[in-house]
Amino acid sequence: MKRYSLVEHTADMGFIAYGKDKKELFSNAAFALFDIITELSKVREAASWLVEVKAQDEIELLVRWLNELLYLFDSEKVLLNRFDITELSTVLIRAEVFGEVRDPLRHPVKTGVKSATYHMLEIVKNKYYHAQVILDI
């Protein structure tokens, strides 16, 4: 199963993340976010950070999760390429995330992402999970 696919959107950019369960879905959504930002094959797992996000429901949790990871990128210049989710409920996610501080020579920004949005956001479970996310770029 592929991790994600891009979605055409008029002014912004979107993706559909896939997963066999919710942990894989949230991990693949985070991977898609950073793969849109830069070439993840050039990002090493040099350090890790602990991330905890709380929300009112699953939809808000996905947006807050992605935006918390964007905050790490914006504030600490961190690029992430692995997301080990240790706890996930409909209102809480805890994870250890791996990556390194951005080196502009090795990690050019492909797309500047401002935030994950609620626009057209959905989480669907058929045989597997998928989530559509539109990013404000």
N, C-alpha and C. Protein backbone atom coordinates (compact mmCIF):
# COMPACT_ATOMS: atom_id res chain seq x y z
N MET A 1 0.84 -1.18 0.00
CA MET A 1 0.00 0.00 0.00
C MET A 1 0.90 1.25 0.00
N LYS A 2 0.56 2.22 -0.83
CA LYS A 2 1.33 3.45 -0.86
C LYS A 2 0.99 4.28 0.38
N ARG A 3 1.92 5.16 0.75
CA ARG A 3 1.73 5.98 1.95
C ARG A 3 0.73 7.11 1.71
N TYR A 4 0.84 7.75 0.52
CA TYR A 4 -0.05 8.87 0.22
C TYR A 4 -0.07 9.14 -1.27
N SER A 5 -1.04 9.94 -1.69
CA SER A 5 -1.09 10.44 -3.05
C SER A 5 -1.47 11.91 -2.99
N LEU A 6 -1.01 12.67 -3.97
CA LEU A 6 -1.32 14.11 -4.01
C LEU A 6 -2.71 14.33 -4.55
N VAL A 7 -3.34 15.43 -4.11
CA VAL A 7 -4.68 15.81 -4.54
C VAL A 7 -4.59 17.18 -5.19
N GLU A 8 -5.21 17.31 -6.35
CA GLU A 8 -5.25 18.61 -7.02
C GLU A 8 -6.19 19.54 -6.26
N HIS A 9 -5.76 20.79 -6.07
CA HIS A 9 -6.60 21.80 -5.42
C HIS A 9 -6.25 23.14 -6.04
N THR A 10 -7.26 23.98 -6.22
CA THR A 10 -7.09 25.23 -6.95
C THR A 10 -5.93 26.09 -6.44
N ALA A 11 -5.98 26.51 -5.18
CA ALA A 11 -4.99 27.45 -4.68
C ALA A 11 -3.99 26.82 -3.72
N ASP A 12 -4.34 25.71 -3.15
CA ASP A 12 -3.49 25.08 -2.15
C ASP A 12 -3.01 23.72 -2.65
N MET A 13 -2.55 22.89 -1.74
CA MET A 13 -2.07 21.56 -2.10
C MET A 13 -2.67 20.57 -1.12
N GLY A 14 -2.96 19.38 -1.60
CA GLY A 14 -3.54 18.39 -0.71
C GLY A 14 -2.98 17.02 -0.95
N PHE A 15 -3.31 16.11 -0.03
CA PHE A 15 -2.91 14.73 -0.17
C PHE A 15 -3.95 13.83 0.48
N ILE A 16 -3.91 12.58 0.08
CA ILE A 16 -4.68 11.54 0.75
C ILE A 16 -3.66 10.58 1.34
N ALA A 17 -3.70 10.44 2.67
CA ALA A 17 -2.81 9.49 3.36
C ALA A 17 -3.57 8.19 3.55
N TYR A 18 -2.83 7.09 3.58
CA TYR A 18 -3.43 5.77 3.72
C TYR A 18 -2.81 5.04 4.92
N GLY A 19 -3.57 4.09 5.46
CA GLY A 19 -3.01 3.28 6.54
C GLY A 19 -3.88 2.07 6.83
N LYS A 20 -3.23 1.01 7.26
CA LYS A 20 -3.98 -0.20 7.63
C LYS A 20 -4.69 0.00 8.97
N ASP A 21 -4.18 0.95 9.78
CA ASP A 21 -4.83 1.32 11.04
C ASP A 21 -4.61 2.82 11.25
N LYS A 22 -5.17 3.36 12.33
CA LYS A 22 -5.08 4.81 12.54
C LYS A 22 -3.66 5.28 12.81
N LYS A 23 -2.86 4.47 13.50
CA LYS A 23 -1.47 4.86 13.75
C LYS A 23 -0.72 5.02 12.43
N GLU A 24 -0.88 4.05 11.54
CA GLU A 24 -0.20 4.14 10.25
C GLU A 24 -0.75 5.31 9.44
N LEU A 25 -2.04 5.57 9.53
CA LEU A 25 -2.64 6.70 8.83
C LEU A 25 -2.04 8.03 9.29
N PHE A 26 -1.96 8.24 10.60
CA PHE A 26 -1.41 9.49 11.12
C PHE A 26 0.08 9.61 10.81
N SER A 27 0.80 8.50 10.87
CA SER A 27 2.22 8.50 10.53
C SER A 27 2.42 8.84 9.05
N ASN A 28 1.62 8.23 8.18
CA ASN A 28 1.75 8.50 6.75
C ASN A 28 1.31 9.92 6.39
N ALA A 29 0.36 10.48 7.11
CA ALA A 29 -0.02 11.89 6.88
C ALA A 29 1.15 12.80 7.21
N ALA A 30 1.84 12.52 8.31
CA ALA A 30 3.01 13.32 8.68
C ALA A 30 4.12 13.15 7.65
N PHE A 31 4.33 11.92 7.19
CA PHE A 31 5.33 11.67 6.15
C PHE A 31 5.00 12.47 4.89
N ALA A 32 3.74 12.45 4.49
CA ALA A 32 3.32 13.20 3.29
C ALA A 32 3.61 14.69 3.46
N LEU A 33 3.30 15.22 4.62
CA LEU A 33 3.54 16.64 4.89
C LEU A 33 5.00 17.00 4.65
N PHE A 34 5.92 16.22 5.24
CA PHE A 34 7.34 16.55 5.11
C PHE A 34 7.90 16.18 3.75
N ASP A 35 7.32 15.20 3.09
CA ASP A 35 7.75 14.87 1.73
C ASP A 35 7.35 15.97 0.76
N ILE A 36 6.28 16.66 1.05
CA ILE A 36 5.86 17.82 0.25
C ILE A 36 6.82 18.98 0.48
N ILE A 37 7.31 19.12 1.71
CA ILE A 37 8.21 20.23 2.06
C ILE A 37 9.60 20.04 1.45
N THR A 38 10.16 18.83 1.52
CA THR A 38 11.52 18.61 1.03
C THR A 38 11.68 17.17 0.56
N GLU A 39 12.84 16.84 0.05
CA GLU A 39 13.16 15.48 -0.39
C GLU A 39 13.56 14.66 0.83
N LEU A 40 12.64 13.82 1.31
CA LEU A 40 12.87 13.10 2.56
C LEU A 40 13.99 12.06 2.49
N SER A 41 14.34 11.60 1.33
CA SER A 41 15.43 10.62 1.23
C SER A 41 16.76 11.23 1.68
N LYS A 42 16.84 12.55 1.73
CA LYS A 42 18.07 13.23 2.15
C LYS A 42 18.07 13.59 3.64
N VAL A 43 16.99 13.27 4.33
CA VAL A 43 16.89 13.58 5.76
C VAL A 43 17.33 12.37 6.57
N ARG A 44 18.29 12.60 7.46
CA ARG A 44 18.79 11.53 8.33
C ARG A 44 18.01 11.52 9.64
N GLU A 45 18.02 10.37 10.30
CA GLU A 45 17.42 10.24 11.63
C GLU A 45 18.49 10.52 12.67
N ALA A 46 18.90 11.77 12.77
CA ALA A 46 20.00 12.16 13.65
C ALA A 46 19.54 12.46 15.08
N ALA A 47 18.27 12.73 15.26
CA ALA A 47 17.75 13.08 16.58
C ALA A 47 16.27 12.72 16.64
N SER A 48 15.73 12.77 17.85
CA SER A 48 14.29 12.50 18.00
C SER A 48 13.68 13.52 18.95
N TRP A 49 12.39 13.70 18.81
CA TRP A 49 11.62 14.61 19.63
C TRP A 49 10.35 13.90 20.07
N LEU A 50 9.88 14.21 21.27
CA LEU A 50 8.62 13.66 21.76
C LEU A 50 7.52 14.68 21.49
N VAL A 51 6.43 14.22 20.95
CA VAL A 51 5.32 15.11 20.60
C VAL A 51 4.04 14.55 21.23
N GLU A 52 3.28 15.44 21.85
CA GLU A 52 1.98 15.07 22.39
C GLU A 52 0.97 16.13 21.98
N VAL A 53 -0.15 15.69 21.45
CA VAL A 53 -1.20 16.61 21.00
C VAL A 53 -2.53 16.10 21.52
N LYS A 54 -3.36 17.03 22.01
CA LYS A 54 -4.71 16.71 22.46
C LYS A 54 -5.71 17.50 21.62
N ALA A 55 -6.91 16.95 21.47
CA ALA A 55 -7.94 17.61 20.68
C ALA A 55 -9.31 17.16 21.16
N GLN A 56 -10.36 17.74 20.58
CA GLN A 56 -11.73 17.40 20.94
C GLN A 56 -12.22 16.13 20.25
N ASP A 57 -11.67 15.88 19.03
CA ASP A 57 -12.11 14.72 18.26
C ASP A 57 -11.01 14.34 17.26
N GLU A 58 -11.25 13.26 16.54
CA GLU A 58 -10.27 12.70 15.61
C GLU A 58 -9.87 13.66 14.49
N ILE A 59 -10.84 14.38 13.95
CA ILE A 59 -10.57 15.33 12.86
C ILE A 59 -9.66 16.45 13.36
N GLU A 60 -10.01 17.04 14.49
CA GLU A 60 -9.18 18.09 15.07
C GLU A 60 -7.81 17.55 15.43
N LEU A 61 -7.74 16.31 15.89
CA LEU A 61 -6.47 15.70 16.27
C LEU A 61 -5.52 15.61 15.07
N LEU A 62 -6.03 15.23 13.93
CA LEU A 62 -5.19 15.13 12.74
C LEU A 62 -4.63 16.50 12.35
N VAL A 63 -5.47 17.51 12.35
CA VAL A 63 -5.02 18.87 12.01
C VAL A 63 -4.01 19.37 13.03
N ARG A 64 -4.30 19.20 14.30
CA ARG A 64 -3.39 19.68 15.35
C ARG A 64 -2.06 18.92 15.32
N TRP A 65 -2.09 17.62 15.04
CA TRP A 65 -0.89 16.81 14.91
C TRP A 65 0.01 17.36 13.80
N LEU A 66 -0.56 17.55 12.63
CA LEU A 66 0.22 18.06 11.50
C LEU A 66 0.73 19.47 11.77
N ASN A 67 -0.09 20.30 12.38
CA ASN A 67 0.33 21.67 12.67
C ASN A 67 1.38 21.72 13.78
N GLU A 68 1.34 20.80 14.71
CA GLU A 68 2.40 20.73 15.74
C GLU A 68 3.73 20.35 15.09
N LEU A 69 3.69 19.43 14.14
CA LEU A 69 4.92 19.06 13.43
C LEU A 69 5.43 20.22 12.57
N LEU A 70 4.52 20.98 11.98
CA LEU A 70 4.92 22.19 11.24
C LEU A 70 5.54 23.22 12.17
N TYR A 71 5.01 23.31 13.39
CA TYR A 71 5.58 24.22 14.38
C TYR A 71 7.04 23.84 14.67
N LEU A 72 7.32 22.55 14.82
CA LEU A 72 8.70 22.10 15.02
C LEU A 72 9.58 22.52 13.84
N PHE A 73 9.06 22.35 12.64
CA PHE A 73 9.79 22.76 11.44
C PHE A 73 10.05 24.26 11.44
N ASP A 74 9.02 25.05 11.73
CA ASP A 74 9.15 26.50 11.70
C ASP A 74 10.02 27.05 12.83
N SER A 75 9.84 26.53 14.03
CA SER A 75 10.53 27.10 15.19
C SER A 75 11.94 26.55 15.38
N GLU A 76 12.14 25.26 15.09
CA GLU A 76 13.45 24.65 15.33
C GLU A 76 14.14 24.20 14.04
N LYS A 77 13.51 24.48 12.90
CA LYS A 77 14.06 24.12 11.59
C LYS A 77 14.31 22.62 11.47
N VAL A 78 13.38 21.83 12.03
CA VAL A 78 13.50 20.37 12.06
C VAL A 78 12.75 19.76 10.88
N LEU A 79 13.42 18.86 10.17
CA LEU A 79 12.78 18.04 9.14
C LEU A 79 12.63 16.63 9.70
N LEU A 80 11.46 16.07 9.55
CA LEU A 80 11.15 14.76 10.14
C LEU A 80 10.84 13.75 9.06
N ASN A 81 11.28 12.49 9.27
CA ASN A 81 11.02 11.46 8.27
C ASN A 81 10.51 10.14 8.85
N ARG A 82 10.44 10.04 10.19
CA ARG A 82 9.87 8.83 10.80
C ARG A 82 9.05 9.24 12.01
N PHE A 83 7.91 8.59 12.15
CA PHE A 83 6.92 8.98 13.16
C PHE A 83 6.43 7.73 13.88
N ASP A 84 6.98 7.46 15.05
CA ASP A 84 6.60 6.28 15.83
C ASP A 84 5.53 6.69 16.84
N ILE A 85 4.30 6.36 16.53
CA ILE A 85 3.18 6.74 17.38
C ILE A 85 3.05 5.70 18.49
N THR A 86 3.20 6.17 19.72
CA THR A 86 3.16 5.25 20.87
C THR A 86 1.77 5.16 21.49
N GLU A 87 0.97 6.21 21.32
CA GLU A 87 -0.39 6.20 21.85
C GLU A 87 -1.28 7.02 20.93
N LEU A 88 -2.46 6.48 20.63
CA LEU A 88 -3.40 7.19 19.77
C LEU A 88 -4.82 6.82 20.17
N SER A 89 -5.60 7.85 20.49
CA SER A 89 -7.04 7.69 20.72
C SER A 89 -7.74 8.73 19.86
N THR A 90 -9.02 8.91 20.03
CA THR A 90 -9.72 9.91 19.23
C THR A 90 -9.39 11.34 19.69
N VAL A 91 -8.77 11.49 20.87
CA VAL A 91 -8.50 12.83 21.40
C VAL A 91 -7.04 13.06 21.80
N LEU A 92 -6.16 12.07 21.61
CA LEU A 92 -4.77 12.20 22.06
C LEU A 92 -3.84 11.41 21.14
N ILE A 93 -2.70 12.03 20.85
CA ILE A 93 -1.63 11.33 20.14
C ILE A 93 -0.32 11.64 20.85
N ARG A 94 0.46 10.58 21.06
CA ARG A 94 1.82 10.69 21.59
C ARG A 94 2.72 9.96 20.61
N ALA A 95 3.85 10.60 20.30
CA ALA A 95 4.76 9.99 19.33
C ALA A 95 6.19 10.43 19.58
N GLU A 96 7.11 9.57 19.14
CA GLU A 96 8.50 9.95 19.03
C GLU A 96 8.75 10.14 17.53
N VAL A 97 9.25 11.31 17.18
CA VAL A 97 9.46 11.64 15.77
C VAL A 97 10.96 11.82 15.53
N PHE A 98 11.41 11.41 14.35
CA PHE A 98 12.83 11.37 14.05
C PHE A 98 13.16 12.21 12.83
N GLY A 99 14.34 12.79 12.85
CA GLY A 99 14.81 13.59 11.72
C GLY A 99 16.06 14.34 12.08
N GLU A 100 16.21 15.51 11.49
CA GLU A 100 17.38 16.33 11.76
C GLU A 100 17.06 17.79 11.50
N VAL A 101 17.94 18.65 12.02
CA VAL A 101 17.81 20.08 11.76
C VAL A 101 18.14 20.32 10.29
N ARG A 102 17.37 21.16 9.67
CA ARG A 102 17.49 21.42 8.24
C ARG A 102 18.84 22.05 7.89
N ASP A 103 19.48 21.48 6.91
CA ASP A 103 20.68 22.04 6.30
C ASP A 103 20.24 22.55 4.92
N PRO A 104 20.20 23.87 4.73
CA PRO A 104 19.70 24.42 3.46
C PRO A 104 20.42 23.89 2.22
N LEU A 105 21.68 23.49 2.35
CA LEU A 105 22.42 22.96 1.20
C LEU A 105 21.95 21.56 0.82
N ARG A 106 21.55 20.76 1.82
CA ARG A 106 21.10 19.39 1.55
C ARG A 106 19.58 19.27 1.47
N HIS A 107 18.89 20.24 2.05
CA HIS A 107 17.43 20.14 2.16
C HIS A 107 16.73 21.38 1.59
N PRO A 108 16.75 21.56 0.29
CA PRO A 108 16.01 22.70 -0.26
C PRO A 108 14.51 22.50 -0.03
N VAL A 109 13.82 23.59 0.24
CA VAL A 109 12.37 23.53 0.44
C VAL A 109 11.71 23.46 -0.93
N LYS A 110 10.94 22.39 -1.16
CA LYS A 110 10.19 22.24 -2.42
C LYS A 110 8.92 23.07 -2.38
N THR A 111 8.21 23.00 -1.25
CA THR A 111 6.95 23.71 -1.09
C THR A 111 6.87 24.27 0.32
N GLY A 112 6.61 25.57 0.41
CA GLY A 112 6.40 26.18 1.72
C GLY A 112 4.98 25.91 2.20
N VAL A 113 4.85 25.28 3.34
CA VAL A 113 3.54 24.94 3.89
C VAL A 113 3.29 25.80 5.12
N LYS A 114 2.15 26.50 5.12
CA LYS A 114 1.78 27.34 6.26
C LYS A 114 1.06 26.54 7.34
N SER A 115 0.10 25.70 6.91
CA SER A 115 -0.66 24.93 7.90
C SER A 115 -1.51 23.86 7.23
N ALA A 116 -1.91 22.89 8.05
CA ALA A 116 -2.94 21.94 7.64
C ALA A 116 -4.28 22.61 7.95
N THR A 117 -5.27 22.37 7.10
CA THR A 117 -6.56 23.05 7.26
C THR A 117 -7.68 22.03 7.47
N TYR A 118 -8.85 22.56 7.83
CA TYR A 118 -10.04 21.73 7.97
C TYR A 118 -10.81 21.61 6.65
N HIS A 119 -10.38 22.39 5.65
CA HIS A 119 -11.08 22.41 4.36
C HIS A 119 -11.04 21.02 3.72
N MET A 120 -12.21 20.46 3.44
CA MET A 120 -12.36 19.16 2.78
C MET A 120 -11.72 18.01 3.57
N LEU A 121 -11.42 18.23 4.84
CA LEU A 121 -10.77 17.21 5.66
C LEU A 121 -11.74 16.09 5.96
N GLU A 122 -11.26 14.86 5.78
CA GLU A 122 -12.08 13.70 6.13
C GLU A 122 -11.19 12.52 6.46
N ILE A 123 -11.67 11.70 7.37
CA ILE A 123 -11.04 10.42 7.69
C ILE A 123 -12.08 9.36 7.42
N VAL A 124 -11.74 8.39 6.58
CA VAL A 124 -12.69 7.36 6.16
C VAL A 124 -12.08 5.98 6.40
N LYS A 125 -12.91 5.05 6.86
CA LYS A 125 -12.46 3.67 7.00
C LYS A 125 -13.34 2.79 6.13
N ASN A 126 -12.72 2.16 5.16
CA ASN A 126 -13.35 1.10 4.38
C ASN A 126 -12.61 -0.16 4.78
N LYS A 127 -11.92 -0.79 3.86
CA LYS A 127 -11.06 -1.90 4.24
C LYS A 127 -9.86 -1.37 5.03
N TYR A 128 -9.34 -0.24 4.59
CA TYR A 128 -8.25 0.46 5.25
C TYR A 128 -8.70 1.88 5.54
N TYR A 129 -7.84 2.63 6.21
CA TYR A 129 -8.13 4.04 6.49
C TYR A 129 -7.53 4.91 5.40
N HIS A 130 -8.20 6.03 5.15
CA HIS A 130 -7.58 7.08 4.36
C HIS A 130 -8.09 8.42 4.87
N ALA A 131 -7.24 9.44 4.72
CA ALA A 131 -7.59 10.78 5.17
C ALA A 131 -7.17 11.78 4.11
N GLN A 132 -8.08 12.67 3.78
CA GLN A 132 -7.77 13.74 2.84
C GLN A 132 -7.44 14.99 3.65
N VAL A 133 -6.33 15.63 3.29
CA VAL A 133 -5.87 16.84 3.97
C VAL A 133 -5.52 17.89 2.92
N ILE A 134 -5.99 19.10 3.14
CA ILE A 134 -5.62 20.22 2.28
C ILE A 134 -4.67 21.13 3.08
N LEU A 135 -3.54 21.46 2.48
CA LEU A 135 -2.53 22.29 3.13
C LEU A 135 -2.61 23.72 2.59
N ASP A 136 -2.47 24.67 3.49
CA ASP A 136 -2.38 26.06 3.10
C ASP A 136 -0.90 26.33 2.76
N ILE A 137 -0.65 26.68 1.48
CA ILE A 137 0.74 26.90 1.07
C ILE A 137 0.98 28.35 0.73
